[in-house]
Amino acid sequence: MAGKAVEKRTGSDVDPRDEPSAEWGWHGTFPKATRAAGWFTAAVMFLMLIGNHENRTEDVVLIVLGVGIIAGLLFDIKRRRTSWRQ
């Protein structure tokens, strides 16, 4: 009898006790804008290589950050393609 009283929550339901903003309006993320901002930021990192640098320390930091951002974006693409659909 107790098993029938328990209802399974779907993955998209948000409990207002967990997220108070769900009570008064839209609750979600901006996945496309986040990805676009990531690609834009990576491009800006590589564009900042052009300049009057005294040594290559700045270049190394910019390249590592740009490659790290791109690696994260590629990981996100792979994760979205292989994720379990609900």
PDB file of N, CA and C in Angstrom:
ATOM      1  N   MET A   1       0.813  -1.183   0.000  1.00  0.00           N
ATOM      2  CA  MET A   1       0.000   0.000   0.000  1.00  0.00           C
ATOM      3  C   MET A   1       0.863   1.256   0.000  1.00  0.00           C
ATOM      4  N   ALA A   2       1.939   1.231   0.737  1.00  0.00           N
ATOM      5  CA  ALA A   2       2.774   2.421   0.823  1.00  0.00           C
ATOM      6  C   ALA A   2       3.440   2.718  -0.511  1.00  0.00           C
ATOM      7  N   GLY A   3       3.700   1.709  -1.327  1.00  0.00           N
ATOM      8  CA  GLY A   3       4.345   1.910  -2.627  1.00  0.00           C
ATOM      9  C   GLY A   3       3.474   2.696  -3.593  1.00  0.00           C
ATOM     10  N   LYS A   4       2.143   2.561  -3.455  1.00  0.00           N
ATOM     11  CA  LYS A   4       1.253   3.278  -4.350  1.00  0.00           C
ATOM     12  C   LYS A   4       1.163   4.760  -3.997  1.00  0.00           C
ATOM     13  N   ALA A   5       1.402   5.089  -2.768  1.00  0.00           N
ATOM     14  CA  ALA A   5       1.306   6.482  -2.342  1.00  0.00           C
ATOM     15  C   ALA A   5       2.534   7.293  -2.747  1.00  0.00           C
ATOM     16  N   VAL A   6       3.636   6.623  -3.028  1.00  0.00           N
ATOM     17  CA  VAL A   6       4.859   7.323  -3.391  1.00  0.00           C
ATOM     18  C   VAL A   6       4.831   7.614  -4.887  1.00  0.00           C
ATOM     19  N   GLU A   7       5.010   8.884  -5.221  1.00  0.00           N
ATOM     20  CA  GLU A   7       5.046   9.265  -6.625  1.00  0.00           C
ATOM     21  C   GLU A   7       6.470   9.621  -7.008  1.00  0.00           C
ATOM     22  N   LYS A   8       6.850   9.211  -8.186  1.00  0.00           N
ATOM     23  CA  LYS A   8       8.194   9.489  -8.664  1.00  0.00           C
ATOM     24  C   LYS A   8       8.217  10.873  -9.307  1.00  0.00           C
ATOM     25  N   ARG A   9       9.175  11.684  -8.893  1.00  0.00           N
ATOM     26  CA  ARG A   9       9.321  13.015  -9.480  1.00  0.00           C
ATOM     27  C   ARG A   9      10.056  12.911 -10.808  1.00  0.00           C
ATOM     28  N   THR A  10       9.646  13.721 -11.754  1.00  0.00           N
ATOM     29  CA  THR A  10      10.380  13.763 -13.012  1.00  0.00           C
ATOM     30  C   THR A  10      11.611  14.623 -12.833  1.00  0.00           C
ATOM     31  N   GLY A  11      12.569  14.491 -13.738  1.00  0.00           N
ATOM     32  CA  GLY A  11      13.823  15.217 -13.626  1.00  0.00           C
ATOM     33  C   GLY A  11      13.682  16.713 -13.826  1.00  0.00           C
ATOM     34  N   SER A  12      12.612  17.171 -14.482  1.00  0.00           N
ATOM     35  CA  SER A  12      12.492  18.591 -14.779  1.00  0.00           C
ATOM     36  C   SER A  12      11.737  19.370 -13.707  1.00  0.00           C
ATOM     37  N   ASP A  13      11.090  18.666 -12.783  1.00  0.00           N
ATOM     38  CA  ASP A  13      10.372  19.370 -11.723  1.00  0.00           C
ATOM     39  C   ASP A  13      11.353  19.966 -10.725  1.00  0.00           C
ATOM     40  N   VAL A  14      11.076  21.198 -10.338  1.00  0.00           N
ATOM     41  CA  VAL A  14      11.915  21.881  -9.367  1.00  0.00           C
ATOM     42  C   VAL A  14      11.061  22.189  -8.151  1.00  0.00           C
ATOM     43  N   ASP A  15      11.536  21.769  -7.012  1.00  0.00           N
ATOM     44  CA  ASP A  15      10.820  22.013  -5.773  1.00  0.00           C
ATOM     45  C   ASP A  15      11.112  23.434  -5.290  1.00  0.00           C
ATOM     46  N   PRO A  16      10.081  24.258  -5.044  1.00  0.00           N
ATOM     47  CA  PRO A  16      10.321  25.627  -4.575  1.00  0.00           C
ATOM     48  C   PRO A  16      11.085  25.698  -3.258  1.00  0.00           C
ATOM     49  N   ARG A  17      11.066  24.622  -2.484  1.00  0.00           N
ATOM     50  CA  ARG A  17      11.867  24.619  -1.249  1.00  0.00           C
ATOM     51  C   ARG A  17      13.356  24.546  -1.560  1.00  0.00           C
ATOM     52  N   ASP A  18      13.698  23.873  -2.676  1.00  0.00           N
ATOM     53  CA  ASP A  18      15.106  23.787  -3.084  1.00  0.00           C
ATOM     54  C   ASP A  18      15.547  25.036  -3.836  1.00  0.00           C
ATOM     55  N   GLU A  19      14.696  25.532  -4.700  1.00  0.00           N
ATOM     56  CA  GLU A  19      15.002  26.699  -5.528  1.00  0.00           C
ATOM     57  C   GLU A  19      13.864  27.702  -5.386  1.00  0.00           C
ATOM     58  N   PRO A  20      14.001  28.688  -4.525  1.00  0.00           N
ATOM     59  CA  PRO A  20      12.905  29.639  -4.292  1.00  0.00           C
ATOM     60  C   PRO A  20      12.475  30.394  -5.552  1.00  0.00           C
ATOM     61  N   SER A  21      13.374  30.602  -6.502  1.00  0.00           N
ATOM     62  CA  SER A  21      13.018  31.349  -7.708  1.00  0.00           C
ATOM     63  C   SER A  21      12.035  30.592  -8.597  1.00  0.00           C
ATOM     64  N   ALA A  22      11.914  29.274  -8.439  1.00  0.00           N
ATOM     65  CA  ALA A  22      10.985  28.496  -9.250  1.00  0.00           C
ATOM     66  C   ALA A  22       9.542  28.851  -8.925  1.00  0.00           C
ATOM     67  N   GLU A  23       9.321  29.382  -7.747  1.00  0.00           N
ATOM     68  CA  GLU A  23       7.960  29.729  -7.334  1.00  0.00           C
ATOM     69  C   GLU A  23       7.421  30.947  -8.082  1.00  0.00           C
ATOM     70  N   TRP A  24       8.278  31.902  -8.446  1.00  0.00           N
ATOM     71  CA  TRP A  24       7.804  33.138  -9.039  1.00  0.00           C
ATOM     72  C   TRP A  24       8.090  33.276 -10.528  1.00  0.00           C
ATOM     73  N   GLY A  25       8.699  32.273 -11.139  1.00  0.00           N
ATOM     74  CA  GLY A  25       8.902  32.414 -12.572  1.00  0.00           C
ATOM     75  C   GLY A  25       9.778  31.342 -13.170  1.00  0.00           C
ATOM     76  N   TRP A  26      10.314  31.698 -14.323  1.00  0.00           N
ATOM     77  CA  TRP A  26      11.123  30.766 -15.090  1.00  0.00           C
ATOM     78  C   TRP A  26      12.359  30.372 -14.308  1.00  0.00           C
ATOM     79  N   HIS A  27      12.701  29.083 -14.409  1.00  0.00           N
ATOM     80  CA  HIS A  27      13.875  28.576 -13.711  1.00  0.00           C
ATOM     81  C   HIS A  27      14.647  27.704 -14.678  1.00  0.00           C
ATOM     82  N   GLY A  28      15.821  28.133 -15.026  1.00  0.00           N
ATOM     83  CA  GLY A  28      16.608  27.338 -15.956  1.00  0.00           C
ATOM     84  C   GLY A  28      17.963  27.960 -16.201  1.00  0.00           C
ATOM     85  N   THR A  29      18.622  27.483 -17.247  1.00  0.00           N
ATOM     86  CA  THR A  29      19.943  27.979 -17.591  1.00  0.00           C
ATOM     87  C   THR A  29      19.926  28.491 -19.027  1.00  0.00           C
ATOM     88  N   PHE A  30      21.033  29.042 -19.445  1.00  0.00           N
ATOM     89  CA  PHE A  30      21.192  29.536 -20.809  1.00  0.00           C
ATOM     90  C   PHE A  30      22.288  28.729 -21.496  1.00  0.00           C
ATOM     91  N   PRO A  31      22.004  27.490 -21.914  1.00  0.00           N
ATOM     92  CA  PRO A  31      23.077  26.639 -22.437  1.00  0.00           C
ATOM     93  C   PRO A  31      23.690  27.166 -23.733  1.00  0.00           C
ATOM     94  N   LYS A  32      22.881  27.678 -24.647  1.00  0.00           N
ATOM     95  CA  LYS A  32      23.438  28.167 -25.909  1.00  0.00           C
ATOM     96  C   LYS A  32      24.268  29.422 -25.688  1.00  0.00           C
ATOM     97  N   ALA A  33      23.780  30.316 -24.853  1.00  0.00           N
ATOM     98  CA  ALA A  33      24.522  31.550 -24.579  1.00  0.00           C
ATOM     99  C   ALA A  33      25.816  31.245 -23.822  1.00  0.00           C
ATOM    100  N   THR A  34      25.785  30.261 -22.940  1.00  0.00           N
ATOM    101  CA  THR A  34      26.984  29.887 -22.198  1.00  0.00           C
ATOM    102  C   THR A  34      28.040  29.330 -23.135  1.00  0.00           C
ATOM    103  N   ARG A  35      27.628  28.475 -24.067  1.00  0.00           N
ATOM    104  CA  ARG A  35      28.582  27.912 -25.028  1.00  0.00           C
ATOM    105  C   ARG A  35      29.124  28.992 -25.957  1.00  0.00           C
ATOM    106  N   ALA A  36      28.263  29.889 -26.420  1.00  0.00           N
ATOM    107  CA  ALA A  36      28.714  30.974 -27.290  1.00  0.00           C
ATOM    108  C   ALA A  36      29.706  31.877 -26.549  1.00  0.00           C
ATOM    109  N   ALA A  37      29.439  32.167 -25.296  1.00  0.00           N
ATOM    110  CA  ALA A  37      30.358  32.984 -24.507  1.00  0.00           C
ATOM    111  C   ALA A  37      31.695  32.269 -24.317  1.00  0.00           C
ATOM    112  N   GLY A  38      31.666  30.957 -24.185  1.00  0.00           N
ATOM    113  CA  GLY A  38      32.906  30.191 -24.047  1.00  0.00           C
ATOM    114  C   GLY A  38      33.756  30.267 -25.300  1.00  0.00           C
ATOM    115  N   TRP A  39      33.128  30.086 -26.468  1.00  0.00           N
ATOM    116  CA  TRP A  39      33.877  30.181 -27.728  1.00  0.00           C
ATOM    117  C   TRP A  39      34.405  31.593 -27.941  1.00  0.00           C
ATOM    118  N   PHE A  40      33.603  32.592 -27.598  1.00  0.00           N
ATOM    119  CA  PHE A  40      34.035  33.986 -27.732  1.00  0.00           C
ATOM    120  C   PHE A  40      35.226  34.263 -26.819  1.00  0.00           C
ATOM    121  N   THR A  41      35.169  33.788 -25.591  1.00  0.00           N
ATOM    122  CA  THR A  41      36.258  34.002 -24.640  1.00  0.00           C
ATOM    123  C   THR A  41      37.540  33.317 -25.104  1.00  0.00           C
ATOM    124  N   ALA A  42      37.426  32.112 -25.648  1.00  0.00           N
ATOM    125  CA  ALA A  42      38.607  31.414 -26.154  1.00  0.00           C
ATOM    126  C   ALA A  42      39.217  32.186 -27.326  1.00  0.00           C
ATOM    127  N   ALA A  43      38.380  32.719 -28.210  1.00  0.00           N
ATOM    128  CA  ALA A  43      38.887  33.501 -29.341  1.00  0.00           C
ATOM    129  C   ALA A  43      39.590  34.768 -28.854  1.00  0.00           C
ATOM    130  N   VAL A  44      39.021  35.418 -27.845  1.00  0.00           N
ATOM    131  CA  VAL A  44      39.643  36.626 -27.297  1.00  0.00           C
ATOM    132  C   VAL A  44      40.993  36.290 -26.667  1.00  0.00           C
ATOM    133  N   MET A  45      41.094  35.143 -26.027  1.00  0.00           N
ATOM    134  CA  MET A  45      42.377  34.738 -25.442  1.00  0.00           C
ATOM    135  C   MET A  45      43.460  34.659 -26.515  1.00  0.00           C
ATOM    136  N   PHE A  46      43.111  34.086 -27.665  1.00  0.00           N
ATOM    137  CA  PHE A  46      44.107  33.960 -28.730  1.00  0.00           C
ATOM    138  C   PHE A  46      44.354  35.296 -29.426  1.00  0.00           C
ATOM    139  N   LEU A  47      43.355  36.158 -29.496  1.00  0.00           N
ATOM    140  CA  LEU A  47      43.561  37.486 -30.082  1.00  0.00           C
ATOM    141  C   LEU A  47      44.463  38.352 -29.200  1.00  0.00           C
ATOM    142  N   MET A  48      44.455  38.110 -27.905  1.00  0.00           N
ATOM    143  CA  MET A  48      45.313  38.877 -27.008  1.00  0.00           C
ATOM    144  C   MET A  48      46.786  38.499 -27.143  1.00  0.00           C
ATOM    145  N   LEU A  49      47.094  37.462 -27.925  1.00  0.00           N
ATOM    146  CA  LEU A  49      48.494  37.126 -28.185  1.00  0.00           C
ATOM    147  C   LEU A  49      49.164  38.205 -29.033  1.00  0.00           C
ATOM    148  N   ILE A  50      48.351  38.940 -29.791  1.00  0.00           N
ATOM    149  CA  ILE A  50      48.880  40.029 -30.616  1.00  0.00           C
ATOM    150  C   ILE A  50      49.069  41.235 -29.707  1.00  0.00           C
ATOM    151  N   GLY A  51      50.289  41.710 -29.605  1.00  0.00           N
ATOM    152  CA  GLY A  51      50.529  42.853 -28.746  1.00  0.00           C
ATOM    153  C   GLY A  51      51.997  43.052 -28.475  1.00  0.00           C
ATOM    154  N   ASN A  52      52.269  43.984 -27.609  1.00  0.00           N
ATOM    155  CA  ASN A  52      53.655  44.312 -27.281  1.00  0.00           C
ATOM    156  C   ASN A  52      54.075  43.605 -25.992  1.00  0.00           C
ATOM    157  N   HIS A  53      54.380  42.344 -26.119  1.00  0.00           N
ATOM    158  CA  HIS A  53      54.773  41.542 -24.964  1.00  0.00           C
ATOM    159  C   HIS A  53      56.283  41.588 -24.812  1.00  0.00           C
ATOM    160  N   GLU A  54      56.742  41.750 -23.590  1.00  0.00           N
ATOM    161  CA  GLU A  54      58.177  41.774 -23.305  1.00  0.00           C
ATOM    162  C   GLU A  54      58.766  40.356 -23.326  1.00  0.00           C
ATOM    163  N   ASN A  55      58.039  39.412 -22.768  1.00  0.00           N
ATOM    164  CA  ASN A  55      58.523  38.036 -22.753  1.00  0.00           C
ATOM    165  C   ASN A  55      57.361  37.108 -23.114  1.00  0.00           C
ATOM    166  N   ARG A  56      57.582  35.827 -23.071  1.00  0.00           N
ATOM    167  CA  ARG A  56      56.575  34.857 -23.512  1.00  0.00           C
ATOM    168  C   ARG A  56      55.739  34.286 -22.378  1.00  0.00           C
ATOM    169  N   THR A  57      55.908  34.775 -21.171  1.00  0.00           N
ATOM    170  CA  THR A  57      55.133  34.261 -20.048  1.00  0.00           C
ATOM    171  C   THR A  57      53.646  34.528 -20.254  1.00  0.00           C
ATOM    172  N   GLU A  58      53.323  35.746 -20.709  1.00  0.00           N
ATOM    173  CA  GLU A  58      51.916  36.080 -20.967  1.00  0.00           C
ATOM    174  C   GLU A  58      51.334  35.194 -22.060  1.00  0.00           C
ATOM    175  N   ASP A  59      52.143  34.925 -23.090  1.00  0.00           N
ATOM    176  CA  ASP A  59      51.673  34.086 -24.191  1.00  0.00           C
ATOM    177  C   ASP A  59      51.345  32.675 -23.715  1.00  0.00           C
ATOM    178  N   VAL A  60      52.193  32.134 -22.851  1.00  0.00           N
ATOM    179  CA  VAL A  60      51.971  30.776 -22.338  1.00  0.00           C
ATOM    180  C   VAL A  60      50.672  30.730 -21.535  1.00  0.00           C
ATOM    181  N   VAL A  61      50.468  31.729 -20.688  1.00  0.00           N
ATOM    182  CA  VAL A  61      49.253  31.761 -19.870  1.00  0.00           C
ATOM    183  C   VAL A  61      48.014  31.874 -20.759  1.00  0.00           C
ATOM    184  N   LEU A  62      48.053  32.756 -21.765  1.00  0.00           N
ATOM    185  CA  LEU A  62      46.902  32.922 -22.651  1.00  0.00           C
ATOM    186  C   LEU A  62      46.620  31.646 -23.448  1.00  0.00           C
ATOM    187  N   ILE A  63      47.658  30.996 -23.927  1.00  0.00           N
ATOM    188  CA  ILE A  63      47.469  29.762 -24.700  1.00  0.00           C
ATOM    189  C   ILE A  63      46.901  28.660 -23.811  1.00  0.00           C
ATOM    190  N   VAL A  64      47.430  28.509 -22.604  1.00  0.00           N
ATOM    191  CA  VAL A  64      46.932  27.460 -21.697  1.00  0.00           C
ATOM    192  C   VAL A  64      45.465  27.715 -21.346  1.00  0.00           C
ATOM    193  N   LEU A  65      45.113  28.965 -21.047  1.00  0.00           N
ATOM    194  CA  LEU A  65      43.712  29.275 -20.722  1.00  0.00           C
ATOM    195  C   LEU A  65      42.796  29.052 -21.920  1.00  0.00           C
ATOM    196  N   GLY A  66      43.223  29.492 -23.106  1.00  0.00           N
ATOM    197  CA  GLY A  66      42.408  29.302 -24.309  1.00  0.00           C
ATOM    198  C   GLY A  66      42.193  27.832 -24.634  1.00  0.00           C
ATOM    199  N   VAL A  67      43.259  27.057 -24.555  1.00  0.00           N
ATOM    200  CA  VAL A  67      43.150  25.612 -24.827  1.00  0.00           C
ATOM    201  C   VAL A  67      42.292  24.938 -23.753  1.00  0.00           C
ATOM    202  N   GLY A  68      42.416  25.385 -22.510  1.00  0.00           N
ATOM    203  CA  GLY A  68      41.584  24.823 -21.433  1.00  0.00           C
ATOM    204  C   GLY A  68      40.103  25.092 -21.658  1.00  0.00           C
ATOM    205  N   ILE A  69      39.787  26.310 -22.089  1.00  0.00           N
ATOM    206  CA  ILE A  69      38.382  26.640 -22.369  1.00  0.00           C
ATOM    207  C   ILE A  69      37.856  25.800 -23.523  1.00  0.00           C
ATOM    208  N   ILE A  70      38.659  25.667 -24.586  1.00  0.00           N
ATOM    209  CA  ILE A  70      38.239  24.854 -25.731  1.00  0.00           C
ATOM    210  C   ILE A  70      38.078  23.394 -25.330  1.00  0.00           C
ATOM    211  N   ALA A  71      38.972  22.884 -24.503  1.00  0.00           N
ATOM    212  CA  ALA A  71      38.847  21.495 -24.036  1.00  0.00           C
ATOM    213  C   ALA A  71      37.556  21.313 -23.246  1.00  0.00           C
ATOM    214  N   GLY A  72      37.219  22.281 -22.409  1.00  0.00           N
ATOM    215  CA  GLY A  72      35.961  22.196 -21.664  1.00  0.00           C
ATOM    216  C   GLY A  72      34.746  22.240 -22.578  1.00  0.00           C
ATOM    217  N   LEU A  73      34.803  23.067 -23.608  1.00  0.00           N
ATOM    218  CA  LEU A  73      33.679  23.135 -24.557  1.00  0.00           C
ATOM    219  C   LEU A  73      33.543  21.843 -25.352  1.00  0.00           C
ATOM    220  N   LEU A  74      34.669  21.269 -25.762  1.00  0.00           N
ATOM    221  CA  LEU A  74      34.614  19.998 -26.495  1.00  0.00           C
ATOM    222  C   LEU A  74      34.117  18.870 -25.595  1.00  0.00           C
ATOM    223  N   PHE A  75      34.513  18.883 -24.328  1.00  0.00           N
ATOM    224  CA  PHE A  75      34.006  17.899 -23.374  1.00  0.00           C
ATOM    225  C   PHE A  75      32.488  18.053 -23.218  1.00  0.00           C
ATOM    226  N   ASP A  76      32.008  19.295 -23.177  1.00  0.00           N
ATOM    227  CA  ASP A  76      30.569  19.539 -23.063  1.00  0.00           C
ATOM    228  C   ASP A  76      29.827  19.017 -24.287  1.00  0.00           C
ATOM    229  N   ILE A  77      30.388  19.213 -25.485  1.00  0.00           N
ATOM    230  CA  ILE A  77      29.763  18.689 -26.705  1.00  0.00           C
ATOM    231  C   ILE A  77      29.685  17.170 -26.634  1.00  0.00           C
ATOM    232  N   LYS A  78      30.785  16.529 -26.241  1.00  0.00           N
ATOM    233  CA  LYS A  78      30.811  15.061 -26.139  1.00  0.00           C
ATOM    234  C   LYS A  78      29.816  14.566 -25.095  1.00  0.00           C
ATOM    235  N   ARG A  79      29.747  15.264 -23.955  1.00  0.00           N
ATOM    236  CA  ARG A  79      28.836  14.858 -22.870  1.00  0.00           C
ATOM    237  C   ARG A  79      27.383  14.988 -23.303  1.00  0.00           C
ATOM    238  N   ARG A  80      27.051  16.059 -24.028  1.00  0.00           N
ATOM    239  CA  ARG A  80      25.674  16.233 -24.472  1.00  0.00           C
ATOM    240  C   ARG A  80      25.263  15.185 -25.496  1.00  0.00           C
ATOM    241  N   ARG A  81      26.200  14.775 -26.341  1.00  0.00           N
ATOM    242  CA  ARG A  81      25.872  13.768 -27.367  1.00  0.00           C
ATOM    243  C   ARG A  81      25.697  12.385 -26.783  1.00  0.00           C
ATOM    244  N   THR A  82      26.395  12.093 -25.697  1.00  0.00           N
ATOM    245  CA  THR A  82      26.334  10.749 -25.125  1.00  0.00           C
ATOM    246  C   THR A  82      25.537  10.685 -23.831  1.00  0.00           C
ATOM    247  N   SER A  83      24.854  11.769 -23.492  1.00  0.00           N
ATOM    248  CA  SER A  83      24.124  11.771 -22.225  1.00  0.00           C
ATOM    249  C   SER A  83      22.861  10.925 -22.333  1.00  0.00           C
ATOM    250  N   TRP A  84      22.400  10.485 -21.210  1.00  0.00           N
ATOM    251  CA  TRP A  84      21.173   9.713 -21.161  1.00  0.00           C
ATOM    252  C   TRP A  84      20.004  10.648 -21.314  1.00  0.00           C
ATOM    253  N   ARG A  85      19.087  10.301 -22.157  1.00  0.00           N
ATOM    254  CA  ARG A  85      17.892  11.122 -22.377  1.00  0.00           C
ATOM    255  C   ARG A  85      16.814  10.705 -21.401  1.00  0.00           C
ATOM    256  N   GLN A  86      16.147  11.699 -20.815  1.00  0.00           N
ATOM    257  CA  GLN A  86      15.091  11.378 -19.858  1.00  0.00           C
ATOM    258  C   GLN A  86      13.739  11.568 -20.469  1.00  0.00           C
TER     259      GLN A  86
END
